[in-house]
C-alpha atoms as a PDB file:
ATOM      1  CA  UNK A   1      -6.345  -4.141  20.055  1.00  0.00           C
ATOM      2  CA  UNK A   2      -3.015  -5.556  19.140  1.00  0.00           C
ATOM      3  CA  UNK A   3      -2.455  -9.276  19.395  1.00  0.00           C
ATOM      4  CA  UNK A   4       0.038 -10.587  21.888  1.00  0.00           C
ATOM      5  CA  UNK A   5       3.181 -12.523  21.183  1.00  0.00           C
ATOM      6  CA  UNK A   6       3.441 -15.985  22.743  1.00  0.00           C
ATOM      7  CA  UNK A   7       4.571 -15.815  26.341  1.00  0.00           C
ATOM      8  CA  UNK A   8       7.891 -17.492  27.040  1.00  0.00           C
ATOM      9  CA  UNK A   9       6.633 -18.804  30.357  1.00  0.00           C
ATOM     10  CA  UNK A  10       3.954 -20.902  28.668  1.00  0.00           C
ATOM     11  CA  UNK A  11       6.674 -23.196  27.322  1.00  0.00           C
ATOM     12  CA  UNK A  12       5.126 -23.279  23.885  1.00  0.00           C
ATOM     13  CA  UNK A  13       1.695 -24.347  25.132  1.00  0.00           C
ATOM     14  CA  UNK A  14      -0.924 -23.719  22.503  1.00  0.00           C
ATOM     15  CA  UNK A  15      -4.559 -24.476  21.929  1.00  0.00           C
ATOM     16  CA  UNK A  16      -6.790 -24.301  18.861  1.00  0.00           C
ATOM     17  CA  UNK A  17      -7.050 -20.530  19.173  1.00  0.00           C
ATOM     18  CA  UNK A  18      -3.319 -19.805  19.534  1.00  0.00           C
ATOM     19  CA  UNK A  19      -1.181 -18.579  22.389  1.00  0.00           C
ATOM     20  CA  UNK A  20      -1.786 -18.573  26.128  1.00  0.00           C
ATOM     21  CA  UNK A  21      -1.834 -15.327  28.082  1.00  0.00           C
ATOM     22  CA  UNK A  22      -1.151 -14.445  31.692  1.00  0.00           C
ATOM     23  CA  UNK A  23      -3.702 -12.367  33.576  1.00  0.00           C
ATOM     24  CA  UNK A  24      -1.506  -9.243  33.307  1.00  0.00           C
ATOM     25  CA  UNK A  25      -1.603  -9.483  29.519  1.00  0.00           C
ATOM     26  CA  UNK A  26      -5.344 -10.131  29.472  1.00  0.00           C
ATOM     27  CA  UNK A  27      -5.901  -7.125  31.736  1.00  0.00           C
ATOM     28  CA  UNK A  28      -3.824  -4.879  29.475  1.00  0.00           C
ATOM     29  CA  UNK A  29      -5.549  -6.022  26.307  1.00  0.00           C
ATOM     30  CA  UNK A  30      -9.075  -5.919  27.703  1.00  0.00           C
ATOM     31  CA  UNK A  31      -8.704  -2.752  29.763  1.00  0.00           C
ATOM     32  CA  UNK A  32     -10.079  -4.530  32.834  1.00  0.00           C
ATOM     33  CA  UNK A  33      -8.392  -4.963  36.171  1.00  0.00           C
ATOM     34  CA  UNK A  34      -7.054  -8.339  37.223  1.00  0.00           C
ATOM     35  CA  UNK A  35      -9.528  -8.243  40.092  1.00  0.00           C
ATOM     36  CA  UNK A  36     -12.459  -7.772  37.690  1.00  0.00           C
ATOM     37  CA  UNK A  37     -11.257 -10.633  35.492  1.00  0.00           C
ATOM     38  CA  UNK A  38     -11.006 -12.945  38.507  1.00  0.00           C
ATOM     39  CA  UNK A  39     -14.442 -11.792  39.671  1.00  0.00           C
ATOM     40  CA  UNK A  40     -15.966 -12.579  36.258  1.00  0.00           C
ATOM     41  CA  UNK A  41     -14.458 -16.065  36.541  1.00  0.00           C
ATOM     42  CA  UNK A  42     -15.817 -16.471  40.060  1.00  0.00           C
ATOM     43  CA  UNK A  43     -19.403 -15.638  39.068  1.00  0.00           C
ATOM     44  CA  UNK A  44     -19.265 -17.725  35.896  1.00  0.00           C
ATOM     45  CA  UNK A  45     -19.337 -14.982  33.271  1.00  0.00           C
ATOM     46  CA  UNK A  46     -15.854 -15.976  32.135  1.00  0.00           C
ATOM     47  CA  UNK A  47     -14.942 -19.670  31.995  1.00  0.00           C
ATOM     48  CA  UNK A  48     -11.983 -20.559  34.172  1.00  0.00           C
ATOM     49  CA  UNK A  49      -8.706 -20.779  32.276  1.00  0.00           C
ATOM     50  CA  UNK A  50      -6.185 -23.567  32.455  1.00  0.00           C
ATOM     51  CA  UNK A  51      -3.594 -23.265  35.177  1.00  0.00           C
ATOM     52  CA  UNK A  52       0.045 -24.180  35.374  1.00  0.00           C
ATOM     53  CA  UNK A  53       1.200 -26.608  38.046  1.00  0.00           C
ATOM     54  CA  UNK A  54       2.077 -23.536  40.109  1.00  0.00           C
ATOM     55  CA  UNK A  55      -1.479 -22.174  39.780  1.00  0.00           C
ATOM     56  CA  UNK A  56      -0.822 -19.404  37.257  1.00  0.00           C
ATOM     57  CA  UNK A  57      -3.840 -18.741  35.062  1.00  0.00           C
ATOM     58  CA  UNK A  58      -3.248 -19.297  31.348  1.00  0.00           C
ATOM     59  CA  UNK A  59      -5.935 -17.636  29.244  1.00  0.00           C
ATOM     60  CA  UNK A  60      -6.726 -18.384  25.619  1.00  0.00           C
ATOM     61  CA  UNK A  61      -7.739 -15.906  22.912  1.00  0.00           C
ATOM     62  CA  UNK A  62     -11.326 -17.066  23.526  1.00  0.00           C
ATOM     63  CA  UNK A  63     -11.180 -15.555  27.029  1.00  0.00           C
ATOM     64  CA  UNK A  64     -10.080 -12.191  25.669  1.00  0.00           C
ATOM     65  CA  UNK A  65     -12.819 -12.227  23.039  1.00  0.00           C
ATOM     66  CA  UNK A  66     -15.389 -13.103  25.720  1.00  0.00           C
ATOM     67  CA  UNK A  67     -14.198 -10.185  27.840  1.00  0.00           C
ATOM     68  CA  UNK A  68     -14.590  -7.849  24.864  1.00  0.00           C
ATOM     69  CA  UNK A  69     -18.195  -9.062  24.466  1.00  0.00           C
ATOM     70  CA  UNK A  70     -18.808  -8.488  28.163  1.00  0.00           C
ATOM     71  CA  UNK A  71     -17.363  -4.977  27.936  1.00  0.00           C
ATOM     72  CA  UNK A  72     -19.561  -4.192  24.929  1.00  0.00           C
ATOM     73  CA  UNK A  73     -22.650  -5.513  26.687  1.00  0.00           C
ATOM     74  CA  UNK A  74     -21.780  -3.447  29.745  1.00  0.00           C
ATOM     75  CA  UNK A  75     -20.590  -0.219  28.130  1.00  0.00           C
ATOM     76  CA  UNK A  76     -22.377  -0.010  24.794  1.00  0.00           C
ATOM     77  CA  UNK A  77     -25.660  -1.630  25.774  1.00  0.00           C
ATOM     78  CA  UNK A  78     -25.648  -0.627  29.430  1.00  0.00           C
ATOM     79  CA  UNK A  79     -26.386  -4.152  30.596  1.00  0.00           C
ATOM     80  CA  UNK A  80     -26.396  -4.957  34.277  1.00  0.00           C
ATOM     81  CA  UNK A  81     -24.242  -7.812  35.515  1.00  0.00           C
ATOM     82  CA  UNK A  82     -27.240 -10.161  35.501  1.00  0.00           C
ATOM     83  CA  UNK A  83     -28.130  -9.125  31.955  1.00  0.00           C
ATOM     84  CA  UNK A  84     -24.524  -9.734  30.905  1.00  0.00           C
ATOM     85  CA  UNK A  85     -24.679 -13.212  32.435  1.00  0.00           C
ATOM     86  CA  UNK A  86     -27.905 -13.934  30.522  1.00  0.00           C
ATOM     87  CA  UNK A  87     -26.573 -12.467  27.271  1.00  0.00           C
ATOM     88  CA  UNK A  88     -23.336 -14.444  27.470  1.00  0.00           C
ATOM     89  CA  UNK A  89     -25.226 -17.639  28.367  1.00  0.00           C
ATOM     90  CA  UNK A  90     -27.259 -17.269  25.185  1.00  0.00           C
ATOM     91  CA  UNK A  91     -24.071 -16.745  23.195  1.00  0.00           C
ATOM     92  CA  UNK A  92     -22.637 -19.943  24.684  1.00  0.00           C
ATOM     93  CA  UNK A  93     -25.780 -21.836  23.720  1.00  0.00           C
ATOM     94  CA  UNK A  94     -25.449 -20.470  20.196  1.00  0.00           C
ATOM     95  CA  UNK A  95     -21.900 -21.771  19.976  1.00  0.00           C
ATOM     96  CA  UNK A  96     -23.042 -25.203  21.166  1.00  0.00           C
ATOM     97  CA  UNK A  97     -25.899 -25.188  18.671  1.00  0.00           C
ATOM     98  CA  UNK A  98     -23.469 -24.248  15.911  1.00  0.00           C
ATOM     99  CA  UNK A  99     -21.328 -27.239  16.809  1.00  0.00           C
ATOM    100  CA  UNK A 100     -24.391 -29.513  16.906  1.00  0.00           C
ATOM    101  CA  UNK A 101     -25.567 -28.114  13.564  1.00  0.00           C
ATOM    102  CA  UNK A 102     -22.224 -28.888  11.932  1.00  0.00           C
ATOM    103  CA  UNK A 103     -22.278 -32.431  13.329  1.00  0.00           C
ATOM    104  CA  UNK A 104     -25.880 -33.119  12.306  1.00  0.00           C
ATOM    105  CA  UNK A 105     -26.171 -35.217   9.191  1.00  0.00           C
ATOM    106  CA  UNK A 106     -29.890 -35.146   8.464  1.00  0.00           C
ATOM    107  CA  UNK A 107     -31.647 -32.099   7.104  1.00  0.00           C
ATOM    108  CA  UNK A 108     -34.343 -32.305   9.810  1.00  0.00           C
ATOM    109  CA  UNK A 109     -31.693 -32.169  12.543  1.00  0.00           C
ATOM    110  CA  UNK A 110     -29.991 -29.215  10.894  1.00  0.00           C
ATOM    111  CA  UNK A 111     -33.325 -27.425  10.509  1.00  0.00           C
ATOM    112  CA  UNK A 112     -34.160 -27.987  14.185  1.00  0.00           C
ATOM    113  CA  UNK A 113     -30.802 -26.583  15.305  1.00  0.00           C
ATOM    114  CA  UNK A 114     -31.262 -23.548  13.066  1.00  0.00           C
ATOM    115  CA  UNK A 115     -34.757 -22.918  14.456  1.00  0.00           C
ATOM    116  CA  UNK A 116     -33.427 -23.133  18.015  1.00  0.00           C
ATOM    117  CA  UNK A 117     -30.544 -20.805  17.160  1.00  0.00           C
ATOM    118  CA  UNK A 118     -33.002 -18.351  15.646  1.00  0.00           C
ATOM    119  CA  UNK A 119     -34.983 -18.312  18.904  1.00  0.00           C
ATOM    120  CA  UNK A 120     -31.817 -17.592  20.871  1.00  0.00           C
ATOM    121  CA  UNK A 121     -30.843 -14.752  18.564  1.00  0.00           C
ATOM    122  CA  UNK A 122     -34.376 -13.381  18.973  1.00  0.00           C
ATOM    123  CA  UNK A 123     -33.854 -13.368  22.759  1.00  0.00           C
ATOM    124  CA  UNK A 124     -30.654 -11.382  22.362  1.00  0.00           C
ATOM    125  CA  UNK A 125     -32.371  -8.943  20.013  1.00  0.00           C
ATOM    126  CA  UNK A 126     -35.204  -8.515  22.520  1.00  0.00           C
ATOM    127  CA  UNK A 127     -32.677  -7.694  25.233  1.00  0.00           C
ATOM    128  CA  UNK A 128     -31.042  -5.095  22.998  1.00  0.00           C
ATOM    129  CA  UNK A 129     -34.394  -3.651  21.869  1.00  0.00           C
ATOM    130  CA  UNK A 130     -35.490  -3.284  25.489  1.00  0.00           C
ATOM    131  CA  UNK A 131     -32.337  -1.296  26.278  1.00  0.00           C
ATOM    132  CA  UNK A 132     -32.761   0.850  23.182  1.00  0.00           C
ATOM    133  CA  UNK A 133     -36.349   1.647  24.133  1.00  0.00           C
ATOM    134  CA  UNK A 134     -35.273   2.617  27.648  1.00  0.00           C
ATOM    135  CA  UNK A 135     -32.577   4.847  26.162  1.00  0.00           C
ATOM    136  CA  UNK A 136     -35.133   6.537  23.891  1.00  0.00           C
ATOM    137  CA  UNK A 137     -37.400   7.185  26.868  1.00  0.00           C
ATOM    138  CA  UNK A 138     -34.516   8.614  28.859  1.00  0.00           C
ATOM    139  CA  UNK A 139     -33.497  10.813  25.935  1.00  0.00           C
ATOM    140  CA  UNK A 140     -37.038  12.199  25.701  1.00  0.00           C
ATOM    141  CA  UNK A 141     -36.923  13.111  29.388  1.00  0.00           C
ATOM    142  CA  UNK A 142     -33.628  14.935  28.889  1.00  0.00           C
ATOM    143  CA  UNK A 143     -34.987  16.710  25.795  1.00  0.00           C
ATOM    144  CA  UNK A 144     -37.975  17.900  27.850  1.00  0.00           C
ATOM    145  CA  UNK A 145     -35.623  19.208  30.525  1.00  0.00           C
ATOM    146  CA  UNK A 146     -33.621  21.035  27.858  1.00  0.00           C
ATOM    147  CA  UNK A 147     -36.802  22.649  26.528  1.00  0.00           C
ATOM    148  CA  UNK A 148     -37.767  23.826  30.012  1.00  0.00           C
ATOM    149  CA  UNK A 149     -34.300  25.310  30.516  1.00  0.00           C
ATOM    150  CA  UNK A 150     -34.506  27.115  27.170  1.00  0.00           C
ATOM    151  CA  UNK A 151     -37.990  28.462  27.980  1.00  0.00           C
ATOM    152  CA  UNK A 152     -36.736  29.763  31.331  1.00  0.00           C
ATOM    153  CA  UNK A 153     -33.752  31.393  29.635  1.00  0.00           C
ATOM    154  CA  UNK A 154     -36.007  33.010  27.008  1.00  0.00           C
ATOM    155  CA  UNK A 155     -38.263  34.384  29.751  1.00  0.00           C
ATOM    156  CA  UNK A 156     -35.270  35.880  31.525  1.00  0.00           C
ATOM    157  CA  UNK A 157     -34.152  37.615  28.326  1.00  0.00           C
ATOM    158  CA  UNK A 158     -37.506  39.290  27.694  1.00  0.00           C
END
């Protein structure tokens, strides 16, 4: 997706990640409705953005990237909303562990953070593997149905 130009209405406000975006721009770039974006904020899947004095939401690039992860978890992996919440929570923990790892000075502390991060990644992989296994099972059911249809067609032709 193309990156957005800075919005004039943000009056040059910037964060570490770059420009600020209004909800209309976030909706266009993510392909989600404004209502869905607000709902994701409400349930805690998307952290609340900063607001102007007038209450306008000002999103950062991080929000857009998070929404892309949510969309992938939903569309590609077929995650339910609860699974998305869990998956994103693990990702947040990984980010925090990465920060703690970088700040740690002793090798033992760094090792501990890496071991914890590895466990979190394993949880995410387990979630993905579970979905893949369910998809394989579903595919087998559909293949069996296809075989039955083909057998019935063959019987009709003889």
